[in-house]
Each structure stands twice: as structure tokens, then as C-alpha cells.
Amino acid sequence: MDGRARLLTLGCTTGWGDWIHGELWLLPSSLVRRRLGFTATVANGKGPTVVVPLPEADVAPGATEQILAEHRTNKVIPLAGIASAHLRRGITADRLTLRMQDGSQHKLLWLPTDPAYAVLAQELAPWLR
């Protein structure tokens, strides 16, 4: 994982059973969810957790392995592996469900006050159903 990354939210979870927020980054070739902690979750409140223009960062080679090793709920999802995507707005959370070409599935939720929905709707347009 390398290249320029855009931070879409600091309030991303991996499902309704995961209450600890994390960062959701969009890279040229992947989506990355990196868990934060309880203190950050409380500090996020109801958001927004990021503002436009979105924060950007350079990502060093080898960061993928480090992020995945940090916590079991961290994810690195290659965009090239997506078979279909379903994006939904919600009152308490917006949601992205990804079905991968290998048959696996990923769910990501985030605070609706963050701009992640609009960015993902544009960037994932080829896979949205």
C-alpha cells in the first residue's frame, strides 16, 4: 500500500457489533480501515470527524502489513478485488457493503455527518448496484 491517501472519516466501524471508531482512508488502489480506540470514539461524538478539503497523507510501502497486524478489525480492501458495492445513507450511520470477487464480504459504517458517502459514491461508481 503506497501512494496518496484521503481520510474520509475518523468514525468508521466494521459492523453493528464493533463500537470502536477507526479511520477510513481511500487510496488509489484500496480502502483502508484502521482502528483507533475508546478515547477517540468518545471524542468523535456525533461528528463530523473530518472536514472538506479532506486531510491527505503519503502512505509508505509496507504500511499494509503493519496496519493489518495492529488489530483484527483493521482492513485493507483492494479496489481491484471488488465484485459489487452497495452504499446506503442512514440516520445514525451510513453504510458500505462490498462483495469481493473471491466471495468474501466487508461492511463499513461511519457517521453520516462525515463526507465519506459522497466521496465513495463517486469513487466506487463502477461497482455500485
C-alpha atoms as a PDB file:
ATOM      1  CA  MET A   1       0.000   0.000   0.000  1.00  0.00           C
ATOM      2  CA  ASP A   2       1.580   3.212  -1.084  1.00  0.00           C
ATOM      3  CA  GLY A   3       0.561   6.476  -2.662  1.00  0.00           C
ATOM      4  CA  ARG A   4      -1.553   9.438  -1.619  1.00  0.00           C
ATOM      5  CA  ALA A   5      -4.424   8.706   0.773  1.00  0.00           C
ATOM      6  CA  ARG A   6      -7.531  10.746   1.614  1.00  0.00           C
ATOM      7  CA  LEU A   7      -9.050  10.480   5.093  1.00  0.00           C
ATOM      8  CA  LEU A   8     -12.835  10.050   4.724  1.00  0.00           C
ATOM      9  CA  THR A   9     -13.798   9.686   8.396  1.00  0.00           C
ATOM     10  CA  LEU A  10     -12.433   9.011  11.871  1.00  0.00           C
ATOM     11  CA  GLY A  11     -15.746   7.385  12.821  1.00  0.00           C
ATOM     12  CA  CYS A  12     -15.668   4.113  10.839  1.00  0.00           C
ATOM     13  CA  THR A  13     -16.698   0.760  12.320  1.00  0.00           C
ATOM     14  CA  THR A  14     -16.830  -2.710  10.780  1.00  0.00           C
ATOM     15  CA  GLY A  15     -20.399  -3.508  11.804  1.00  0.00           C
ATOM     16  CA  TRP A  16     -23.025  -3.029  14.478  1.00  0.00           C
ATOM     17  CA  GLY A  17     -21.046  -5.210  16.900  1.00  0.00           C
ATOM     18  CA  ASP A  18     -17.936  -3.035  16.571  1.00  0.00           C
ATOM     19  CA  TRP A  19     -18.378   0.145  18.602  1.00  0.00           C
ATOM     20  CA  ILE A  20     -14.801   1.409  18.426  1.00  0.00           C
ATOM     21  CA  HIS A  21     -14.252   4.015  15.721  1.00  0.00           C
ATOM     22  CA  GLY A  22     -11.456   3.910  13.219  1.00  0.00           C
ATOM     23  CA  GLU A  23     -10.004   5.855  10.332  1.00  0.00           C
ATOM     24  CA  LEU A  24     -11.271   5.183   6.810  1.00  0.00           C
ATOM     25  CA  TRP A  25      -8.724   6.056   4.136  1.00  0.00           C
ATOM     26  CA  LEU A  26      -9.182   5.975   0.367  1.00  0.00           C
ATOM     27  CA  LEU A  27      -6.021   5.187  -1.573  1.00  0.00           C
ATOM     28  CA  PRO A  28      -5.642   4.896  -5.343  1.00  0.00           C
ATOM     29  CA  SER A  29      -5.825   1.096  -5.104  1.00  0.00           C
ATOM     30  CA  SER A  30      -7.563   0.292  -1.802  1.00  0.00           C
ATOM     31  CA  LEU A  31      -9.796   1.234   1.102  1.00  0.00           C
ATOM     32  CA  VAL A  32      -8.108   1.060   4.496  1.00  0.00           C
ATOM     33  CA  ARG A  33      -9.886   0.919   7.855  1.00  0.00           C
ATOM     34  CA  ARG A  34      -7.569   1.428  10.854  1.00  0.00           C
ATOM     35  CA  ARG A  35      -8.967   1.080  14.368  1.00  0.00           C
ATOM     36  CA  LEU A  36      -8.491   3.941  16.791  1.00  0.00           C
ATOM     37  CA  GLY A  37      -9.532   3.452  20.421  1.00  0.00           C
ATOM     38  CA  PHE A  38     -12.188   4.105  23.018  1.00  0.00           C
ATOM     39  CA  THR A  39     -10.939   7.607  23.815  1.00  0.00           C
ATOM     40  CA  ALA A  40     -11.075   8.631  20.145  1.00  0.00           C
ATOM     41  CA  THR A  41     -14.534   7.086  19.798  1.00  0.00           C
ATOM     42  CA  VAL A  42     -15.877   9.166  22.682  1.00  0.00           C
ATOM     43  CA  ALA A  43     -14.141  12.292  21.372  1.00  0.00           C
ATOM     44  CA  ASN A  44     -15.759  11.837  17.951  1.00  0.00           C
ATOM     45  CA  GLY A  45     -19.238  12.182  19.418  1.00  0.00           C
ATOM     46  CA  LYS A  46     -21.713  12.535  16.576  1.00  0.00           C
ATOM     47  CA  GLY A  47     -19.164  14.177  14.294  1.00  0.00           C
ATOM     48  CA  PRO A  48     -18.207  15.456  11.909  1.00  0.00           C
ATOM     49  CA  THR A  49     -14.760  13.962  12.378  1.00  0.00           C
ATOM     50  CA  VAL A  50     -13.154  15.375   9.207  1.00  0.00           C
ATOM     51  CA  VAL A  51     -13.777  18.478   7.139  1.00  0.00           C
ATOM     52  CA  VAL A  52     -13.506  19.352   3.472  1.00  0.00           C
ATOM     53  CA  PRO A  53     -10.947  19.612   1.999  1.00  0.00           C
ATOM     54  CA  LEU A  54     -10.199  16.105   3.197  1.00  0.00           C
ATOM     55  CA  PRO A  55      -6.930  15.521   5.029  1.00  0.00           C
ATOM     56  CA  GLU A  56      -4.360  13.756   2.858  1.00  0.00           C
ATOM     57  CA  ALA A  57      -1.234  11.790   3.653  1.00  0.00           C
ATOM     58  CA  ASP A  58       1.500   9.927   1.845  1.00  0.00           C
ATOM     59  CA  VAL A  59       1.471   6.232   2.672  1.00  0.00           C
ATOM     60  CA  ALA A  60       4.771   4.398   2.824  1.00  0.00           C
ATOM     61  CA  PRO A  61       5.370   0.986   1.277  1.00  0.00           C
ATOM     62  CA  GLY A  62       4.891  -1.757   3.864  1.00  0.00           C
ATOM     63  CA  ALA A  63       2.196   0.090   5.785  1.00  0.00           C
ATOM     64  CA  THR A  64      -0.416  -2.521   4.828  1.00  0.00           C
ATOM     65  CA  GLU A  65       1.170  -5.287   6.846  1.00  0.00           C
ATOM     66  CA  GLN A  66       1.647  -3.028   9.857  1.00  0.00           C
ATOM     67  CA  ILE A  67      -1.974  -1.835   9.822  1.00  0.00           C
ATOM     68  CA  LEU A  68      -3.355  -5.362   9.467  1.00  0.00           C
ATOM     69  CA  ALA A  69      -1.169  -6.590  12.343  1.00  0.00           C
ATOM     70  CA  GLU A  70      -2.326  -3.837  14.727  1.00  0.00           C
ATOM     71  CA  HIS A  71      -5.855  -5.171  15.261  1.00  0.00           C
ATOM     72  CA  ARG A  72      -8.188  -7.841  13.890  1.00  0.00           C
ATOM     73  CA  THR A  73     -10.794  -5.254  12.821  1.00  0.00           C
ATOM     74  CA  ASN A  74      -8.333  -3.354  10.630  1.00  0.00           C
ATOM     75  CA  LYS A  75      -8.927  -3.874   6.917  1.00  0.00           C
ATOM     76  CA  VAL A  76      -7.085  -3.306   3.675  1.00  0.00           C
ATOM     77  CA  ILE A  77      -9.556  -3.837   0.840  1.00  0.00           C
ATOM     78  CA  PRO A  78      -8.140  -3.840  -2.704  1.00  0.00           C
ATOM     79  CA  LEU A  79     -10.401  -1.955  -5.100  1.00  0.00           C
ATOM     80  CA  ALA A  80      -9.441  -4.342  -7.911  1.00  0.00           C
ATOM     81  CA  GLY A  81     -10.989  -7.205  -5.910  1.00  0.00           C
ATOM     82  CA  ILE A  82     -14.471  -5.655  -5.648  1.00  0.00           C
ATOM     83  CA  ALA A  83     -17.272  -7.501  -7.441  1.00  0.00           C
ATOM     84  CA  SER A  84     -20.083  -5.174  -6.297  1.00  0.00           C
ATOM     85  CA  ALA A  85     -20.737  -2.386  -3.824  1.00  0.00           C
ATOM     86  CA  HIS A  86     -23.882  -1.215  -2.043  1.00  0.00           C
ATOM     87  CA  LEU A  87     -23.880   2.233  -0.451  1.00  0.00           C
ATOM     88  CA  ARG A  88     -26.685   3.390   1.855  1.00  0.00           C
ATOM     89  CA  ARG A  89     -27.436   6.514   3.838  1.00  0.00           C
ATOM     90  CA  GLY A  90     -28.812   6.160   7.339  1.00  0.00           C
ATOM     91  CA  ILE A  91     -29.983   8.258  10.251  1.00  0.00           C
ATOM     92  CA  THR A  92     -27.339   7.049  12.697  1.00  0.00           C
ATOM     93  CA  ALA A  93     -24.792   5.625  10.239  1.00  0.00           C
ATOM     94  CA  ASP A  94     -24.056   5.470   6.529  1.00  0.00           C
ATOM     95  CA  ARG A  95     -23.011   2.051   5.261  1.00  0.00           C
ATOM     96  CA  LEU A  96     -20.939   0.417   2.553  1.00  0.00           C
ATOM     97  CA  THR A  97     -21.193  -3.296   1.834  1.00  0.00           C
ATOM     98  CA  LEU A  98     -18.587  -4.731  -0.509  1.00  0.00           C
ATOM     99  CA  ARG A  99     -18.832  -8.143  -2.125  1.00  0.00           C
ATOM    100  CA  MET A 100     -15.447  -9.272  -3.301  1.00  0.00           C
ATOM    101  CA  GLN A 101     -14.553 -11.375  -6.325  1.00  0.00           C
ATOM    102  CA  ASP A 102     -13.359 -14.165  -4.008  1.00  0.00           C
ATOM    103  CA  GLY A 103     -16.830 -14.342  -2.388  1.00  0.00           C
ATOM    104  CA  SER A 104     -15.924 -12.555   0.845  1.00  0.00           C
ATOM    105  CA  GLN A 105     -17.859  -9.546   2.109  1.00  0.00           C
ATOM    106  CA  HIS A 106     -16.898  -6.387   4.006  1.00  0.00           C
ATOM    107  CA  LYS A 107     -19.164  -3.973   5.840  1.00  0.00           C
ATOM    108  CA  LEU A 108     -18.109  -0.475   6.855  1.00  0.00           C
ATOM    109  CA  LEU A 109     -20.241   2.043   8.751  1.00  0.00           C
ATOM    110  CA  TRP A 110     -19.474   5.681   9.561  1.00  0.00           C
ATOM    111  CA  LEU A 111     -21.056   8.800  10.985  1.00  0.00           C
ATOM    112  CA  PRO A 112     -23.423  10.423   8.460  1.00  0.00           C
ATOM    113  CA  THR A 113     -22.033  13.873   9.301  1.00  0.00           C
ATOM    114  CA  ASP A 114     -18.750  12.976   7.572  1.00  0.00           C
ATOM    115  CA  PRO A 115     -18.233  13.376   3.785  1.00  0.00           C
ATOM    116  CA  ALA A 116     -17.366   9.700   3.187  1.00  0.00           C
ATOM    117  CA  TYR A 117     -20.665   8.882   1.427  1.00  0.00           C
ATOM    118  CA  ALA A 118     -20.241  11.490  -1.316  1.00  0.00           C
ATOM    119  CA  VAL A 119     -16.613  10.555  -1.959  1.00  0.00           C
ATOM    120  CA  LEU A 120     -17.328   6.816  -2.056  1.00  0.00           C
ATOM    121  CA  ALA A 121     -20.378   7.280  -4.306  1.00  0.00           C
ATOM    122  CA  GLN A 122     -18.098   8.910  -6.854  1.00  0.00           C
ATOM    123  CA  GLU A 123     -15.034   6.696  -6.450  1.00  0.00           C
ATOM    124  CA  LEU A 124     -16.901   3.373  -6.307  1.00  0.00           C
ATOM    125  CA  ALA A 125     -19.388   4.207  -9.096  1.00  0.00           C
ATOM    126  CA  PRO A 126     -18.221   1.340 -11.368  1.00  0.00           C
ATOM    127  CA  TRP A 127     -19.143  -1.222  -8.689  1.00  0.00           C
ATOM    128  CA  LEU A 128     -22.295   0.299  -7.187  1.00  0.00           C
ATOM    129  CA  ARG A 129     -25.548  -1.559  -7.650  1.00  0.00           C
END
